[in-house]
Amino acid sequence: MKATWNDVIVAEAPKEDLIRIEGNWYFPPSSIKKELYSDSDHHTTCHWKGEASYFDVTAGGQTNDFGAWYYPVPMQGSVERVGKDFANYVAFWNGISVTE
């Protein structure tokens, strides 16, 4: 699976290494191209997963503000609900496409 922004692959991993949660693919932290990511001060809260942190993703000369998110410390009970520990796994939105 690949996550792509501005024709640049920003994350890539075998499908079996990803975790699917609520229609989103979460990539293992080791699969992202870290040089394209910078920490964002943006945060949101999911009522059952906890507080999400965000990355800005820069590729092809443009920055996608908070285009990627992750849960550094999933809420108690959420790992059991998902069936896998998804701490620090990265998901995408805001125009970043995920394809096989």
C-alpha atoms as a PDB file:
ATOM      1  CA  MET A   1       0.000   0.000   0.000  1.00  0.00           C
ATOM      2  CA  LYS A   2       1.130   3.533  -0.737  1.00  0.00           C
ATOM      3  CA  ALA A   3       0.227   6.969   0.548  1.00  0.00           C
ATOM      4  CA  THR A   4       0.876   9.634  -2.083  1.00  0.00           C
ATOM      5  CA  TRP A   5       0.887  13.429  -2.026  1.00  0.00           C
ATOM      6  CA  ASN A   6       1.814  15.536  -5.097  1.00  0.00           C
ATOM      7  CA  ASP A   7       3.017  12.417  -6.945  1.00  0.00           C
ATOM      8  CA  VAL A   8       5.459  11.610  -4.116  1.00  0.00           C
ATOM      9  CA  ILE A   9       5.155   8.403  -2.086  1.00  0.00           C
ATOM     10  CA  VAL A  10       5.082   9.570   1.535  1.00  0.00           C
ATOM     11  CA  ALA A  11       4.524   6.105   3.081  1.00  0.00           C
ATOM     12  CA  GLU A  12       4.672   2.539   1.782  1.00  0.00           C
ATOM     13  CA  ALA A  13       4.161  -0.859   3.415  1.00  0.00           C
ATOM     14  CA  PRO A  14       2.692  -4.285   2.663  1.00  0.00           C
ATOM     15  CA  LYS A  15      -1.073  -4.327   3.188  1.00  0.00           C
ATOM     16  CA  GLU A  16      -0.749  -6.965   5.920  1.00  0.00           C
ATOM     17  CA  ASP A  17       1.352  -4.514   7.982  1.00  0.00           C
ATOM     18  CA  LEU A  18      -1.361  -1.843   7.969  1.00  0.00           C
ATOM     19  CA  ILE A  19      -4.290  -1.557  10.366  1.00  0.00           C
ATOM     20  CA  ARG A  20      -7.764  -0.592   9.108  1.00  0.00           C
ATOM     21  CA  ILE A  21      -9.813   1.505  11.532  1.00  0.00           C
ATOM     22  CA  GLU A  22     -13.116   3.159  10.644  1.00  0.00           C
ATOM     23  CA  GLY A  23     -12.333   3.099   6.918  1.00  0.00           C
ATOM     24  CA  ASN A  24      -8.812   4.531   7.277  1.00  0.00           C
ATOM     25  CA  TRP A  25      -5.563   2.694   6.656  1.00  0.00           C
ATOM     26  CA  TYR A  26      -2.965   3.210   9.385  1.00  0.00           C
ATOM     27  CA  PHE A  27       0.648   2.718   8.313  1.00  0.00           C
ATOM     28  CA  PRO A  28       3.359   1.465  10.679  1.00  0.00           C
ATOM     29  CA  PRO A  29       5.630   4.276  11.873  1.00  0.00           C
ATOM     30  CA  SER A  30       8.632   2.668  10.149  1.00  0.00           C
ATOM     31  CA  SER A  31       6.905   2.954   6.753  1.00  0.00           C
ATOM     32  CA  ILE A  32       6.687   6.738   6.565  1.00  0.00           C
ATOM     33  CA  LYS A  33       9.372   8.834   4.889  1.00  0.00           C
ATOM     34  CA  LYS A  34      10.222  10.823   8.001  1.00  0.00           C
ATOM     35  CA  GLU A  35      12.083  13.549   6.112  1.00  0.00           C
ATOM     36  CA  LEU A  36       8.730  14.617   4.573  1.00  0.00           C
ATOM     37  CA  TYR A  37       6.980  15.032   7.940  1.00  0.00           C
ATOM     38  CA  SER A  38       7.061  17.761  10.539  1.00  0.00           C
ATOM     39  CA  ASP A  39       5.195  17.891  13.836  1.00  0.00           C
ATOM     40  CA  SER A  40       2.034  19.965  13.881  1.00  0.00           C
ATOM     41  CA  ASP A  41       0.542  21.581  16.964  1.00  0.00           C
ATOM     42  CA  HIS A  42      -2.903  20.445  15.752  1.00  0.00           C
ATOM     43  CA  HIS A  43      -4.737  17.853  17.876  1.00  0.00           C
ATOM     44  CA  THR A  44      -8.183  16.300  17.830  1.00  0.00           C
ATOM     45  CA  THR A  45      -9.918  13.898  20.182  1.00  0.00           C
ATOM     46  CA  CYS A  46     -11.800  10.738  19.280  1.00  0.00           C
ATOM     47  CA  HIS A  47     -14.272   9.608  21.946  1.00  0.00           C
ATOM     48  CA  TRP A  48     -12.924   6.044  21.878  1.00  0.00           C
ATOM     49  CA  LYS A  49      -9.374   6.232  20.420  1.00  0.00           C
ATOM     50  CA  GLY A  50      -8.116   9.224  22.405  1.00  0.00           C
ATOM     51  CA  GLU A  51      -6.124  12.309  21.427  1.00  0.00           C
ATOM     52  CA  ALA A  52      -4.678  12.366  17.917  1.00  0.00           C
ATOM     53  CA  SER A  53      -1.491  14.219  17.042  1.00  0.00           C
ATOM     54  CA  TYR A  54      -0.799  15.442  13.517  1.00  0.00           C
ATOM     55  CA  PHE A  55       2.029  15.838  11.041  1.00  0.00           C
ATOM     56  CA  ASP A  56       2.339  18.372   8.253  1.00  0.00           C
ATOM     57  CA  VAL A  57       3.441  16.541   5.109  1.00  0.00           C
ATOM     58  CA  THR A  58       5.679  18.309   2.579  1.00  0.00           C
ATOM     59  CA  ALA A  59       6.164  16.887  -0.920  1.00  0.00           C
ATOM     60  CA  GLY A  60       6.413  18.256  -4.425  1.00  0.00           C
ATOM     61  CA  GLY A  61       7.100  21.749  -3.110  1.00  0.00           C
ATOM     62  CA  GLN A  62       3.842  21.983  -1.158  1.00  0.00           C
ATOM     63  CA  THR A  63       2.884  21.395   2.453  1.00  0.00           C
ATOM     64  CA  ASN A  64      -0.285  19.583   3.453  1.00  0.00           C
ATOM     65  CA  ASP A  65      -1.074  21.061   6.859  1.00  0.00           C
ATOM     66  CA  PHE A  66      -1.954  18.272   9.302  1.00  0.00           C
ATOM     67  CA  GLY A  67      -2.368  15.797   6.444  1.00  0.00           C
ATOM     68  CA  ALA A  68      -1.405  12.826   8.620  1.00  0.00           C
ATOM     69  CA  TRP A  69      -2.466  11.813  12.111  1.00  0.00           C
ATOM     70  CA  TYR A  70      -1.614   9.218  14.729  1.00  0.00           C
ATOM     71  CA  TYR A  71      -2.459   8.264  18.297  1.00  0.00           C
ATOM     72  CA  PRO A  72       0.683   8.350  20.482  1.00  0.00           C
ATOM     73  CA  VAL A  73      -1.208   6.900  23.462  1.00  0.00           C
ATOM     74  CA  PRO A  74      -4.480   5.190  22.469  1.00  0.00           C
ATOM     75  CA  MET A  75      -7.302   5.459  24.983  1.00  0.00           C
ATOM     76  CA  GLN A  76      -7.739   2.571  27.401  1.00  0.00           C
ATOM     77  CA  GLY A  77      -9.791  -0.185  25.775  1.00  0.00           C
ATOM     78  CA  SER A  78      -9.261   1.042  22.194  1.00  0.00           C
ATOM     79  CA  VAL A  79      -6.434  -1.393  21.390  1.00  0.00           C
ATOM     80  CA  GLU A  80      -8.661  -4.272  22.468  1.00  0.00           C
ATOM     81  CA  ARG A  81     -11.501  -2.875  20.341  1.00  0.00           C
ATOM     82  CA  VAL A  82      -9.254  -2.665  17.250  1.00  0.00           C
ATOM     83  CA  GLY A  83      -7.545  -5.972  17.978  1.00  0.00           C
ATOM     84  CA  LYS A  84      -4.040  -4.559  17.438  1.00  0.00           C
ATOM     85  CA  ASP A  85      -1.867  -1.926  19.077  1.00  0.00           C
ATOM     86  CA  PHE A  86      -2.144   1.061  16.730  1.00  0.00           C
ATOM     87  CA  ALA A  87      -0.023   3.469  18.809  1.00  0.00           C
ATOM     88  CA  ASN A  88       1.957   5.767  16.488  1.00  0.00           C
ATOM     89  CA  TYR A  89       0.517   4.193  13.323  1.00  0.00           C
ATOM     90  CA  VAL A  90      -0.082   6.963  10.770  1.00  0.00           C
ATOM     91  CA  ALA A  91      -3.263   7.635   8.773  1.00  0.00           C
ATOM     92  CA  PHE A  92      -3.857  10.215   6.044  1.00  0.00           C
ATOM     93  CA  TRP A  93      -6.484  12.590   4.751  1.00  0.00           C
ATOM     94  CA  ASN A  94      -6.796  16.055   3.170  1.00  0.00           C
ATOM     95  CA  GLY A  95      -5.895  14.945  -0.353  1.00  0.00           C
ATOM     96  CA  ILE A  96      -3.230  12.370   0.495  1.00  0.00           C
ATOM     97  CA  SER A  97      -4.339   9.255  -1.365  1.00  0.00           C
ATOM     98  CA  VAL A  98      -3.890   5.684  -0.162  1.00  0.00           C
ATOM     99  CA  THR A  99      -3.797   2.998  -2.856  1.00  0.00           C
ATOM    100  CA  GLU A 100      -2.752  -0.622  -3.264  1.00  0.00           C
END
